């Protein structure tokens, strides 16, 4: 993210002292897209796929994005660029991460007993192992791609050496 929400939106005129009002902390789709460096169309598409849900809407139905919404979109972009995941794979990763956050909250709840905590930990471990398998599959595909590139480079080197 090129900046944070607090830098993007201020309560009152520029330079005026004061705190950010809850409503002022929410960005329109255009402002959110600008802060994120992506198109409004991309934000709408992520919403259509269920990857991100704007935290609020105006009475007229305009989307409003919170800092947490922007962080989620940043996570989506990281998963695309860093791991090369497609949007279906990203949806799975986000569902896993959301569930792990729910598990963490339930685990920390003082009303959760030891048997429930054991079940929660088992579920979290399974989710983590599934995520690891997804990343391993991507890594294997990248390793194969690199091997193909290396093989082509070796053929090119051999062809260069064979020239008179």
C-alpha atoms as a PDB file:
ATOM      1  CA  UNK A   1       0.000   0.000   0.000  1.00  0.00           C
ATOM      2  CA  UNK A   2       1.473   3.335  -1.005  1.00  0.00           C
ATOM      3  CA  UNK A   3       0.326   5.072   2.198  1.00  0.00           C
ATOM      4  CA  UNK A   4      -1.965   4.422   5.071  1.00  0.00           C
ATOM      5  CA  UNK A   5      -5.536   5.467   5.452  1.00  0.00           C
ATOM      6  CA  UNK A   6      -4.709   8.038   8.097  1.00  0.00           C
ATOM      7  CA  UNK A   7      -2.464   9.812   5.593  1.00  0.00           C
ATOM      8  CA  UNK A   8      -5.112   9.617   2.864  1.00  0.00           C
ATOM      9  CA  UNK A   9      -8.064  11.086   4.763  1.00  0.00           C
ATOM     10  CA  UNK A  10      -8.140  13.771   7.473  1.00  0.00           C
ATOM     11  CA  UNK A  11     -10.968  15.029   9.648  1.00  0.00           C
ATOM     12  CA  UNK A  12     -11.470  18.681   8.785  1.00  0.00           C
ATOM     13  CA  UNK A  13      -9.535  21.005   6.500  1.00  0.00           C
ATOM     14  CA  UNK A  14      -5.901  20.229   5.676  1.00  0.00           C
ATOM     15  CA  UNK A  15      -3.599  21.194   8.509  1.00  0.00           C
ATOM     16  CA  UNK A  16      -6.410  21.470  11.050  1.00  0.00           C
ATOM     17  CA  UNK A  17      -5.762  19.743  14.376  1.00  0.00           C
ATOM     18  CA  UNK A  18      -8.081  16.958  15.442  1.00  0.00           C
ATOM     19  CA  UNK A  19      -8.652  13.262  15.328  1.00  0.00           C
ATOM     20  CA  UNK A  20      -9.980  11.110  12.542  1.00  0.00           C
ATOM     21  CA  UNK A  21     -13.711  10.610  12.764  1.00  0.00           C
ATOM     22  CA  UNK A  22     -14.925   7.056  12.163  1.00  0.00           C
ATOM     23  CA  UNK A  23     -16.796   8.086   9.039  1.00  0.00           C
ATOM     24  CA  UNK A  24     -13.837  10.062   7.694  1.00  0.00           C
ATOM     25  CA  UNK A  25     -11.624   7.013   7.979  1.00  0.00           C
ATOM     26  CA  UNK A  26     -13.635   5.254   5.312  1.00  0.00           C
ATOM     27  CA  UNK A  27     -12.602   5.722   1.707  1.00  0.00           C
ATOM     28  CA  UNK A  28     -14.712   5.764  -1.416  1.00  0.00           C
ATOM     29  CA  UNK A  29     -13.905   3.174  -4.039  1.00  0.00           C
ATOM     30  CA  UNK A  30     -11.988   5.766  -6.059  1.00  0.00           C
ATOM     31  CA  UNK A  31      -9.902   6.897  -3.101  1.00  0.00           C
ATOM     32  CA  UNK A  32      -9.285   3.299  -1.999  1.00  0.00           C
ATOM     33  CA  UNK A  33      -8.196   2.338  -5.507  1.00  0.00           C
ATOM     34  CA  UNK A  34      -5.845   5.333  -5.631  1.00  0.00           C
ATOM     35  CA  UNK A  35      -4.273   4.487  -2.261  1.00  0.00           C
ATOM     36  CA  UNK A  36      -3.837   0.862  -3.342  1.00  0.00           C
ATOM     37  CA  UNK A  37      -2.575   1.704  -6.817  1.00  0.00           C
ATOM     38  CA  UNK A  38      -5.193  -0.460  -8.541  1.00  0.00           C
ATOM     39  CA  UNK A  39      -8.315   0.198 -10.575  1.00  0.00           C
ATOM     40  CA  UNK A  40     -11.836   0.584  -9.233  1.00  0.00           C
ATOM     41  CA  UNK A  41     -12.757  -2.262 -11.576  1.00  0.00           C
ATOM     42  CA  UNK A  42     -10.296  -4.553  -9.778  1.00  0.00           C
ATOM     43  CA  UNK A  43     -11.851  -3.683  -6.414  1.00  0.00           C
ATOM     44  CA  UNK A  44     -15.317  -4.415  -7.758  1.00  0.00           C
ATOM     45  CA  UNK A  45     -14.101  -7.710  -9.215  1.00  0.00           C
ATOM     46  CA  UNK A  46     -12.516  -8.751  -5.899  1.00  0.00           C
ATOM     47  CA  UNK A  47     -15.832  -7.995  -4.231  1.00  0.00           C
ATOM     48  CA  UNK A  48     -17.755  -9.957  -6.870  1.00  0.00           C
ATOM     49  CA  UNK A  49     -15.506 -12.958  -6.188  1.00  0.00           C
ATOM     50  CA  UNK A  50     -16.015 -12.596  -2.439  1.00  0.00           C
ATOM     51  CA  UNK A  51     -12.353 -11.816  -1.757  1.00  0.00           C
ATOM     52  CA  UNK A  52     -13.091  -8.477  -0.106  1.00  0.00           C
ATOM     53  CA  UNK A  53     -16.257  -6.877   1.199  1.00  0.00           C
ATOM     54  CA  UNK A  54     -16.367  -3.132   1.794  1.00  0.00           C
ATOM     55  CA  UNK A  55     -17.052  -2.509   5.467  1.00  0.00           C
ATOM     56  CA  UNK A  56     -19.842  -0.031   4.774  1.00  0.00           C
ATOM     57  CA  UNK A  57     -22.030   1.641   2.209  1.00  0.00           C
ATOM     58  CA  UNK A  58     -23.468   5.115   2.055  1.00  0.00           C
ATOM     59  CA  UNK A  59     -27.259   5.553   2.097  1.00  0.00           C
ATOM     60  CA  UNK A  60     -26.953   5.856  -1.696  1.00  0.00           C
ATOM     61  CA  UNK A  61     -25.185   2.486  -1.912  1.00  0.00           C
ATOM     62  CA  UNK A  62     -21.625   3.742  -2.513  1.00  0.00           C
ATOM     63  CA  UNK A  63     -18.899   1.426  -1.226  1.00  0.00           C
ATOM     64  CA  UNK A  64     -16.743   2.545   1.697  1.00  0.00           C
ATOM     65  CA  UNK A  65     -13.423   0.894   2.529  1.00  0.00           C
ATOM     66  CA  UNK A  66     -11.690   0.746   5.911  1.00  0.00           C
ATOM     67  CA  UNK A  67      -7.996   0.324   6.593  1.00  0.00           C
ATOM     68  CA  UNK A  68      -8.650  -3.394   7.231  1.00  0.00           C
ATOM     69  CA  UNK A  69     -10.308  -3.652   3.800  1.00  0.00           C
ATOM     70  CA  UNK A  70      -7.265  -2.031   2.210  1.00  0.00           C
ATOM     71  CA  UNK A  71      -4.952  -4.408   4.081  1.00  0.00           C
ATOM     72  CA  UNK A  72      -6.941  -7.364   2.727  1.00  0.00           C
ATOM     73  CA  UNK A  73      -6.598  -6.083  -0.834  1.00  0.00           C
ATOM     74  CA  UNK A  74      -2.878  -5.591  -0.238  1.00  0.00           C
ATOM     75  CA  UNK A  75      -2.720  -9.228   0.920  1.00  0.00           C
ATOM     76  CA  UNK A  76      -4.520 -10.340  -2.258  1.00  0.00           C
ATOM     77  CA  UNK A  77      -2.001  -8.445  -4.392  1.00  0.00           C
ATOM     78  CA  UNK A  78       0.918  -9.937  -2.436  1.00  0.00           C
ATOM     79  CA  UNK A  79      -0.400 -13.455  -2.955  1.00  0.00           C
ATOM     80  CA  UNK A  80      -0.723 -12.752  -6.667  1.00  0.00           C
ATOM     81  CA  UNK A  81       2.712 -11.213  -7.137  1.00  0.00           C
ATOM     82  CA  UNK A  82       4.784 -13.072  -4.550  1.00  0.00           C
ATOM     83  CA  UNK A  83       3.384 -16.579  -4.899  1.00  0.00           C
ATOM     84  CA  UNK A  84       1.779 -16.335  -8.309  1.00  0.00           C
ATOM     85  CA  UNK A  85      -1.536 -17.593  -6.964  1.00  0.00           C
ATOM     86  CA  UNK A  86      -4.634 -17.203  -9.107  1.00  0.00           C
ATOM     87  CA  UNK A  87      -7.789 -15.690  -7.622  1.00  0.00           C
ATOM     88  CA  UNK A  88      -9.378 -19.083  -6.900  1.00  0.00           C
ATOM     89  CA  UNK A  89      -6.285 -20.122  -4.957  1.00  0.00           C
ATOM     90  CA  UNK A  90      -6.247 -16.770  -3.180  1.00  0.00           C
ATOM     91  CA  UNK A  91      -9.879 -17.289  -2.146  1.00  0.00           C
ATOM     92  CA  UNK A  92      -8.869 -20.574  -0.501  1.00  0.00           C
ATOM     93  CA  UNK A  93      -5.908 -18.959   1.266  1.00  0.00           C
ATOM     94  CA  UNK A  94      -8.066 -16.096   2.548  1.00  0.00           C
ATOM     95  CA  UNK A  95     -10.757 -18.483   3.798  1.00  0.00           C
ATOM     96  CA  UNK A  96      -8.063 -20.428   5.640  1.00  0.00           C
ATOM     97  CA  UNK A  97      -6.585 -17.255   7.120  1.00  0.00           C
ATOM     98  CA  UNK A  98     -10.037 -16.021   8.161  1.00  0.00           C
ATOM     99  CA  UNK A  99     -10.791 -19.346   9.835  1.00  0.00           C
ATOM    100  CA  UNK A 100      -7.435 -19.338  11.639  1.00  0.00           C
ATOM    101  CA  UNK A 101      -8.275 -15.850  12.976  1.00  0.00           C
ATOM    102  CA  UNK A 102     -11.622 -17.204  14.245  1.00  0.00           C
ATOM    103  CA  UNK A 103      -9.850 -20.177  15.813  1.00  0.00           C
ATOM    104  CA  UNK A 104      -7.365 -17.857  17.538  1.00  0.00           C
ATOM    105  CA  UNK A 105     -10.213 -15.797  18.979  1.00  0.00           C
ATOM    106  CA  UNK A 106     -12.084 -18.881  20.213  1.00  0.00           C
ATOM    107  CA  UNK A 107      -8.896 -20.366  21.646  1.00  0.00           C
ATOM    108  CA  UNK A 108      -8.218 -17.204  23.662  1.00  0.00           C
ATOM    109  CA  UNK A 109     -11.769 -17.056  25.003  1.00  0.00           C
ATOM    110  CA  UNK A 110     -11.614 -17.954  28.697  1.00  0.00           C
ATOM    111  CA  UNK A 111     -14.860 -19.941  28.331  1.00  0.00           C
ATOM    112  CA  UNK A 112     -13.182 -22.360  25.905  1.00  0.00           C
ATOM    113  CA  UNK A 113     -12.280 -25.584  27.656  1.00  0.00           C
ATOM    114  CA  UNK A 114      -9.279 -27.831  27.078  1.00  0.00           C
ATOM    115  CA  UNK A 115     -11.108 -30.309  24.789  1.00  0.00           C
ATOM    116  CA  UNK A 116     -12.356 -27.473  22.558  1.00  0.00           C
ATOM    117  CA  UNK A 117      -8.891 -25.933  22.485  1.00  0.00           C
ATOM    118  CA  UNK A 118      -7.430 -29.235  21.345  1.00  0.00           C
ATOM    119  CA  UNK A 119     -10.013 -29.406  18.532  1.00  0.00           C
ATOM    120  CA  UNK A 120      -9.262 -25.823  17.550  1.00  0.00           C
ATOM    121  CA  UNK A 121      -5.531 -26.482  17.443  1.00  0.00           C
ATOM    122  CA  UNK A 122      -6.066 -29.607  15.343  1.00  0.00           C
ATOM    123  CA  UNK A 123      -8.169 -27.646  12.872  1.00  0.00           C
ATOM    124  CA  UNK A 124      -5.585 -24.847  12.730  1.00  0.00           C
ATOM    125  CA  UNK A 125      -2.847 -27.383  12.053  1.00  0.00           C
ATOM    126  CA  UNK A 126      -4.859 -28.960   9.230  1.00  0.00           C
ATOM    127  CA  UNK A 127      -5.487 -25.553   7.671  1.00  0.00           C
ATOM    128  CA  UNK A 128      -1.787 -24.732   7.927  1.00  0.00           C
ATOM    129  CA  UNK A 129      -0.830 -28.030   6.291  1.00  0.00           C
ATOM    130  CA  UNK A 130      -3.297 -27.396   3.448  1.00  0.00           C
ATOM    131  CA  UNK A 131      -1.812 -23.949   2.884  1.00  0.00           C
ATOM    132  CA  UNK A 132       1.679 -25.407   2.895  1.00  0.00           C
ATOM    133  CA  UNK A 133       0.645 -27.961   0.268  1.00  0.00           C
ATOM    134  CA  UNK A 134      -0.643 -25.127  -1.949  1.00  0.00           C
ATOM    135  CA  UNK A 135       2.645 -23.253  -1.643  1.00  0.00           C
ATOM    136  CA  UNK A 136       4.647 -26.447  -2.247  1.00  0.00           C
ATOM    137  CA  UNK A 137       2.694 -27.099  -5.462  1.00  0.00           C
ATOM    138  CA  UNK A 138       3.503 -23.572  -6.663  1.00  0.00           C
ATOM    139  CA  UNK A 139       7.149 -24.030  -5.744  1.00  0.00           C
ATOM    140  CA  UNK A 140       7.325 -27.316  -7.643  1.00  0.00           C
ATOM    141  CA  UNK A 141       5.822 -25.646 -10.714  1.00  0.00           C
ATOM    142  CA  UNK A 142       8.339 -22.803 -10.440  1.00  0.00           C
ATOM    143  CA  UNK A 143      11.219 -25.282 -10.042  1.00  0.00           C
ATOM    144  CA  UNK A 144      10.096 -27.070 -13.208  1.00  0.00           C
ATOM    145  CA  UNK A 145       9.833 -23.769 -15.061  1.00  0.00           C
ATOM    146  CA  UNK A 146      13.355 -22.797 -13.937  1.00  0.00           C
ATOM    147  CA  UNK A 147      14.701 -26.180 -15.035  1.00  0.00           C
ATOM    148  CA  UNK A 148      13.174 -25.632 -18.486  1.00  0.00           C
ATOM    149  CA  UNK A 149      14.767 -22.179 -18.706  1.00  0.00           C
ATOM    150  CA  UNK A 150      18.145 -23.608 -17.669  1.00  0.00           C
ATOM    151  CA  UNK A 151      17.871 -26.381 -20.274  1.00  0.00           C
ATOM    152  CA  UNK A 152      17.113 -23.846 -23.028  1.00  0.00           C
ATOM    153  CA  UNK A 153      19.989 -21.650 -21.893  1.00  0.00           C
ATOM    154  CA  UNK A 154      22.322 -24.652 -22.051  1.00  0.00           C
ATOM    155  CA  UNK A 155      21.197 -25.399 -25.622  1.00  0.00           C
ATOM    156  CA  UNK A 156      21.813 -21.776 -26.581  1.00  0.00           C
ATOM    157  CA  UNK A 157      25.305 -21.881 -25.018  1.00  0.00           C
ATOM    158  CA  UNK A 158      26.083 -25.083 -26.929  1.00  0.00           C
ATOM    159  CA  UNK A 159      24.876 -23.479 -30.169  1.00  0.00           C
ATOM    160  CA  UNK A 160      27.083 -20.434 -29.513  1.00  0.00           C
ATOM    161  CA  UNK A 161      30.111 -22.617 -28.889  1.00  0.00           C
ATOM    162  CA  UNK A 162      29.446 -24.599 -32.085  1.00  0.00           C
ATOM    163  CA  UNK A 163      29.615 -21.461 -34.254  1.00  0.00           C
ATOM    164  CA  UNK A 164      32.820 -21.052 -36.274  1.00  0.00           C
END
